[in-house]
Amino acid sequence: MIDLYTWTTPNGRKVSIALEELGLPYEVHPIDITKDEQFDPHYLKISPNNKIPAIVDRGTGLSLMESGAILLYLVQKTGSLMPEDDEGRWRAIEWLFWQVGGLGPMAGQAHHFLKFNPGKAPYAEERFAKETARLYGVLERRLEGRDFLADAYSIADIAAFPWVAPFEWQGIDLDRFPAVKAWYLRVAGRPAVQKGYGVPKPAGIPLP
């Protein structure tokens, strides 16, 4: 059994989607970041950086924070959602790190300035809108001619998907990126993705 501490953010949804895809039993513990519950002393022991998501594996007693590390742990635990060949494995890790270091932070800033605080910082709006659009271009080139980021469906796709789902919040016209759009619809149609995306409660943006 995995204890999942999460909230309604793209990073949180990565882990619940992965748990659903892997078929691992888990119990959800909502951490309402709008009420600063991530700063609770009990939660600090699990997630020293006061962020979600985090997990505790009851079988091993191991607690982990950081969504990328959690995804890697879960695939190592189960032997699934990772290509078996050496190149495929490294491609999955490569694109996982691309999401963690690029798409997530930049799209998150785009959400902050374009969706939730429009008109307050024109320079920041322009900067993060442009960088997010550039990253969509990178994703487009990678997905041209392939179904998934590492060819086989993997944690790389699971990591990127929740950050692409709110593309309208980022000022992105998905029709400009046909390969990304096709990938997005392909991943969104998976039953485990639909279920995991609704944890701990349905998103403000429904999936297609």
Protein backbone atom coordinates (compact mmCIF):
# COMPACT_ATOMS: atom_id res chain seq x y z
CA MET A 1 0.00 0.00 0.00
CA ILE A 2 1.22 3.47 -0.95
CA ASP A 3 0.15 6.55 0.98
CA LEU A 4 -0.16 9.38 -1.53
CA TYR A 5 -0.08 12.96 -0.29
CA THR A 6 -1.31 15.16 -3.09
CA TRP A 7 -3.41 18.04 -4.34
CA THR A 8 -4.96 19.24 -7.60
CA THR A 9 -1.77 20.26 -9.39
CA PRO A 10 -0.04 18.80 -12.46
CA ASN A 11 2.77 17.42 -10.30
CA GLY A 12 0.31 15.72 -8.01
CA ARG A 13 -1.63 14.22 -10.90
CA LYS A 14 1.54 12.64 -12.33
CA VAL A 15 1.79 10.27 -9.39
CA SER A 16 -1.89 9.33 -9.16
CA ILE A 17 -1.90 8.58 -12.90
CA ALA A 18 1.20 6.41 -12.50
CA LEU A 19 -0.33 4.54 -9.55
CA GLU A 20 -3.47 3.87 -11.58
CA GLU A 21 -1.47 2.71 -14.60
CA LEU A 22 0.63 0.40 -12.43
CA GLY A 23 -2.34 -0.99 -10.55
CA LEU A 24 -0.73 -0.34 -7.18
CA PRO A 25 -3.03 0.01 -4.17
CA TYR A 26 -2.86 3.45 -2.64
CA GLU A 27 -4.61 5.67 -0.13
CA VAL A 28 -5.05 9.35 -0.89
CA HIS A 29 -4.28 12.01 1.70
CA PRO A 30 -5.31 15.42 0.31
CA ILE A 31 -2.95 18.25 1.23
CA ASP A 32 -4.88 21.44 0.55
CA ILE A 33 -2.20 23.91 -0.46
CA THR A 34 -4.77 26.71 -0.59
CA LYS A 35 -5.01 26.32 3.19
CA ASP A 36 -1.23 25.94 3.71
CA GLU A 37 -1.62 22.34 4.85
CA GLN A 38 1.76 21.60 3.25
CA PHE A 39 3.38 23.45 6.14
CA ASP A 40 1.94 21.14 8.79
CA PRO A 41 4.80 19.76 10.96
CA HIS A 42 3.64 16.19 10.35
CA TYR A 43 3.80 16.68 6.60
CA LEU A 44 7.20 18.33 6.86
CA LYS A 45 8.60 15.02 8.11
CA ILE A 46 7.41 13.38 4.88
CA SER A 47 8.17 16.23 2.48
CA PRO A 48 10.97 18.45 3.83
CA ASN A 49 10.45 20.92 0.96
CA ASN A 50 6.77 21.48 1.91
CA LYS A 51 5.58 20.56 -1.58
CA ILE A 52 3.24 17.96 -3.00
CA PRO A 53 3.24 15.20 -4.02
CA ALA A 54 4.90 12.84 -1.59
CA ILE A 55 4.49 9.15 -0.88
CA VAL A 56 5.10 6.68 1.91
CA ASP A 57 5.53 3.04 0.91
CA ARG A 58 4.05 1.11 3.83
CA GLY A 59 5.88 -2.02 2.74
CA THR A 60 9.34 -0.51 3.04
CA GLY A 61 8.67 2.52 5.24
CA LEU A 62 10.34 4.72 2.62
CA SER A 63 9.00 8.25 2.15
CA LEU A 64 9.75 10.26 -0.95
CA MET A 65 9.09 13.76 -2.17
CA GLU A 66 9.63 15.19 -5.70
CA SER A 67 7.41 13.82 -8.44
CA GLY A 68 10.26 12.75 -10.73
CA ALA A 69 11.92 10.72 -7.98
CA ILE A 70 8.58 9.16 -7.05
CA LEU A 71 7.93 8.10 -10.65
CA LEU A 72 11.36 6.51 -10.91
CA TYR A 73 10.80 4.68 -7.63
CA LEU A 74 7.44 3.33 -8.75
CA VAL A 75 8.75 2.01 -12.07
CA GLN A 76 11.72 0.37 -10.36
CA LYS A 77 9.36 -1.18 -7.81
CA THR A 78 7.09 -2.66 -10.48
CA GLY A 79 9.27 -3.04 -13.57
CA SER A 80 6.61 -1.30 -15.67
CA LEU A 81 6.19 1.98 -17.57
CA MET A 82 9.82 1.97 -18.64
CA PRO A 83 11.18 0.68 -21.98
CA GLU A 84 13.14 -2.52 -21.62
CA ASP A 85 15.95 -1.65 -24.04
CA ASP A 86 18.82 0.51 -22.81
CA GLU A 87 18.31 3.38 -25.25
CA GLY A 88 14.57 3.48 -24.63
CA ARG A 89 15.13 3.56 -20.88
CA TRP A 90 17.49 6.51 -21.15
CA ARG A 91 15.12 8.31 -23.53
CA ALA A 92 12.36 7.96 -20.96
CA ILE A 93 14.63 9.32 -18.24
CA GLU A 94 15.84 12.11 -20.55
CA TRP A 95 12.31 13.32 -21.26
CA LEU A 96 11.27 12.91 -17.64
CA PHE A 97 14.07 15.28 -16.66
CA TRP A 98 13.10 17.62 -19.51
CA GLN A 99 9.66 17.90 -18.00
CA VAL A 100 10.89 18.32 -14.44
CA GLY A 101 13.50 20.92 -15.36
CA GLY A 102 11.75 22.73 -18.21
CA LEU A 103 8.11 22.23 -19.07
CA GLY A 104 6.88 22.08 -15.48
CA PRO A 105 8.60 25.19 -14.13
CA MET A 106 7.95 27.30 -17.24
CA ALA A 107 4.33 26.25 -17.70
CA GLY A 108 3.80 26.77 -13.98
CA GLN A 109 5.02 30.35 -14.26
CA ALA A 110 2.80 30.82 -17.33
CA HIS A 111 -0.17 29.67 -15.25
CA HIS A 112 0.75 32.12 -12.50
CA PHE A 113 1.10 35.19 -14.68
CA LEU A 114 -1.24 34.52 -17.61
CA LYS A 115 -4.12 32.73 -15.86
CA PHE A 116 -4.15 33.89 -12.26
CA ASN A 117 -2.46 37.33 -12.35
CA PRO A 118 -2.99 38.77 -15.84
CA GLY A 119 -2.00 42.37 -16.45
CA LYS A 120 0.23 42.67 -13.40
CA ALA A 121 3.60 41.88 -14.97
CA PRO A 122 3.67 42.26 -18.78
CA TYR A 123 7.37 41.37 -19.00
CA ALA A 124 6.85 38.14 -17.05
CA GLU A 125 3.78 37.26 -19.09
CA GLU A 126 5.70 37.67 -22.34
CA ARG A 127 8.78 35.84 -21.07
CA PHE A 128 6.99 32.75 -19.78
CA ALA A 129 4.49 32.61 -22.64
CA LYS A 130 7.35 32.59 -25.16
CA GLU A 131 9.39 30.01 -23.29
CA THR A 132 6.40 27.72 -22.80
CA ALA A 133 5.59 27.97 -26.51
CA ARG A 134 9.23 27.15 -27.31
CA LEU A 135 9.00 24.03 -25.15
CA TYR A 136 5.84 22.97 -26.97
CA GLY A 137 7.90 23.26 -30.14
CA VAL A 138 10.52 20.93 -28.64
CA LEU A 139 7.77 18.48 -27.71
CA GLU A 140 6.28 18.74 -31.20
CA ARG A 141 9.57 17.85 -32.87
CA ARG A 142 10.08 14.90 -30.54
CA LEU A 143 6.60 13.51 -31.18
CA GLU A 144 6.63 13.86 -34.95
CA GLY A 145 6.43 10.31 -36.31
CA ARG A 146 6.09 8.60 -32.93
CA ASP A 147 3.23 7.84 -30.56
CA PHE A 148 5.05 8.44 -27.29
CA LEU A 149 8.13 10.26 -26.02
CA ALA A 150 10.26 7.14 -25.62
CA ASP A 151 8.38 5.31 -28.41
CA ALA A 152 6.72 3.03 -25.83
CA TYR A 153 4.32 4.61 -23.32
CA SER A 154 6.30 5.45 -20.19
CA ILE A 155 6.69 7.69 -17.17
CA ALA A 156 7.96 10.38 -19.56
CA ASP A 157 4.47 10.68 -21.04
CA ILE A 158 2.85 10.52 -17.62
CA ALA A 159 5.10 13.34 -16.39
CA ALA A 160 4.44 15.65 -19.33
CA PHE A 161 0.73 15.02 -19.78
CA PRO A 162 -0.68 16.90 -16.75
CA TRP A 163 1.36 19.96 -17.73
CA VAL A 164 -0.01 19.93 -21.28
CA ALA A 165 -3.61 19.34 -20.17
CA PRO A 166 -4.13 22.99 -19.07
CA PHE A 167 -2.63 24.31 -22.33
CA GLU A 168 -5.23 27.08 -22.57
CA TRP A 169 -3.99 28.50 -19.26
CA GLN A 170 -0.58 28.83 -20.90
CA GLY A 171 -1.91 30.74 -23.91
CA ILE A 172 -1.19 27.75 -26.17
CA ASP A 173 -3.19 27.00 -29.30
CA LEU A 174 -2.79 23.23 -29.51
CA ASP A 175 -3.72 23.25 -33.20
CA ARG A 176 -0.30 24.83 -33.83
CA PHE A 177 1.28 21.61 -32.55
CA PRO A 178 -0.49 18.73 -34.33
CA ALA A 179 1.85 15.99 -33.09
CA VAL A 180 1.45 17.21 -29.50
CA LYS A 181 -2.32 17.39 -29.92
CA ALA A 182 -2.49 13.82 -31.27
CA TRP A 183 -0.31 12.60 -28.37
CA TYR A 184 -2.40 14.52 -25.85
CA LEU A 185 -5.63 12.93 -27.10
CA ARG A 186 -3.98 9.51 -27.23
CA VAL A 187 -2.84 9.70 -23.59
CA ALA A 188 -6.06 11.36 -22.39
CA GLY A 189 -8.06 8.43 -23.73
CA ARG A 190 -6.40 5.91 -21.41
CA PRO A 191 -8.78 4.81 -18.60
CA ALA A 192 -6.03 4.96 -15.95
CA VAL A 193 -5.16 8.50 -16.99
CA GLN A 194 -8.80 9.55 -16.76
CA LYS A 195 -9.08 8.06 -13.27
CA GLY A 196 -5.73 9.26 -11.96
CA TYR A 197 -6.28 12.77 -13.28
CA GLY A 198 -9.29 13.12 -10.99
CA VAL A 199 -7.29 12.55 -7.78
CA PRO A 200 -7.84 13.90 -5.17
CA LYS A 201 -10.82 15.56 -6.92
CA PRO A 202 -11.73 16.43 -10.51
CA ALA A 203 -9.72 19.13 -12.20
CA GLY A 204 -11.06 22.51 -13.23
CA ILE A 205 -10.17 21.56 -16.79
CA PRO A 206 -11.86 18.29 -17.83
CA LEU A 207 -10.07 15.89 -20.12
CA PRO A 208 -11.48 15.23 -23.60
